[in-house]
Amino acid sequence: MDKICMHCRFWLDDEKDTGECRRRAPSPVFGHRFDKMLAAVRKLEEEYAPATEMDRVDRQAEWPFTDNDDWCGEWEQIVKPE
């Protein structure tokens, strides 16, 4: 068996030849998803209630996306229940 993501117990397949590596906790990412929408909402919010610096940051976390044939040094075989 090839030691690639699609055969790893930590990989969650999204059925599009990609998936999420769930070996570690999700990593923080900032403001990349709804930038235009958030900018418009924040502009309106600033008129009514000025935000603090932390309020201006879109905070979320994600697991890394990988292709099904990617690999890393932490691969573990899928364990099938008996």
Protein backbone atom coordinates (compact mmCIF):
# COMPACT_ATOMS: atom_id res chain seq x y z
CA MET A 1 0.00 0.00 0.00
CA ASP A 2 1.30 3.45 -0.93
CA LYS A 3 1.88 5.77 2.03
CA ILE A 4 -0.23 8.60 0.60
CA CYS A 5 -3.04 10.71 2.07
CA MET A 6 -5.90 8.66 0.67
CA HIS A 7 -4.62 5.62 2.61
CA CYS A 8 -3.97 7.50 5.87
CA ARG A 9 -6.17 7.21 8.94
CA PHE A 10 -6.00 10.97 9.56
CA TRP A 11 -7.29 12.02 6.12
CA LEU A 12 -10.92 13.04 5.53
CA ASP A 13 -11.88 12.59 1.88
CA ASP A 14 -14.10 15.24 0.29
CA GLU A 15 -14.77 13.00 -2.75
CA LYS A 16 -13.03 15.42 -5.16
CA ASP A 17 -9.50 13.94 -5.11
CA THR A 18 -8.74 16.26 -2.19
CA GLY A 19 -9.39 16.16 1.52
CA GLU A 20 -8.43 17.46 4.94
CA CYS A 21 -5.46 16.25 6.94
CA ARG A 22 -6.68 15.83 10.51
CA ARG A 23 -3.36 14.69 12.01
CA ARG A 24 -3.00 17.87 14.07
CA ALA A 25 -5.37 20.52 15.35
CA PRO A 26 -6.70 22.98 12.76
CA SER A 27 -4.50 26.02 12.09
CA PRO A 28 -5.73 29.59 12.31
CA VAL A 29 -6.48 31.43 9.08
CA PHE A 30 -7.47 35.07 8.87
CA GLY A 31 -9.93 36.80 6.60
CA HIS A 32 -9.61 34.90 3.34
CA ARG A 33 -13.14 33.55 2.87
CA PHE A 34 -15.61 36.41 2.82
CA ASP A 35 -13.34 39.40 2.37
CA LYS A 36 -15.65 41.51 0.20
CA MET A 37 -18.75 40.79 2.24
CA LEU A 38 -16.95 41.39 5.53
CA ALA A 39 -15.48 44.65 4.26
CA ALA A 40 -18.97 45.94 3.40
CA VAL A 41 -20.43 44.84 6.74
CA ARG A 42 -17.53 46.33 8.70
CA LYS A 43 -17.85 49.62 6.86
CA LEU A 44 -21.49 49.84 7.96
CA GLU A 45 -20.64 48.74 11.51
CA GLU A 46 -17.97 51.44 11.84
CA GLU A 47 -20.62 54.10 11.21
CA TYR A 48 -22.71 52.86 14.15
CA ALA A 49 -20.24 51.29 16.60
CA PRO A 50 -16.49 51.66 16.08
CA ALA A 51 -14.76 48.29 16.42
CA THR A 52 -11.76 47.40 18.49
CA GLU A 53 -8.71 46.04 16.65
CA MET A 54 -9.65 42.43 17.51
CA ASP A 55 -13.17 42.94 16.13
CA ARG A 56 -11.68 43.81 12.74
CA VAL A 57 -10.02 40.41 12.28
CA ASP A 58 -11.95 37.49 10.77
CA ARG A 59 -10.83 34.60 12.96
CA GLN A 60 -11.28 30.93 12.08
CA ALA A 61 -9.29 27.71 11.86
CA GLU A 62 -9.00 25.00 9.21
CA TRP A 63 -7.29 21.71 8.63
CA PRO A 64 -4.90 21.73 5.68
CA PHE A 65 -6.30 20.57 2.35
CA THR A 66 -4.24 17.97 0.50
CA ASP A 67 -4.51 16.02 -2.72
CA ASN A 68 -5.28 12.33 -2.30
CA ASP A 69 -1.83 11.38 -3.61
CA ASP A 70 0.13 13.76 -1.33
CA TRP A 71 2.25 12.33 1.46
CA CYS A 72 4.04 13.33 4.66
CA GLY A 73 6.22 11.77 7.34
CA GLU A 74 3.31 11.17 9.74
CA TRP A 75 1.24 8.75 7.66
CA GLU A 76 -0.55 5.95 9.55
CA GLN A 77 -2.47 3.09 7.99
CA ILE A 78 -6.26 3.08 8.22
CA VAL A 79 -7.39 0.62 10.89
CA LYS A 80 -10.51 -1.27 9.89
CA PRO A 81 -12.80 -2.47 12.70
CA GLU A 82 -12.99 -6.21 13.13
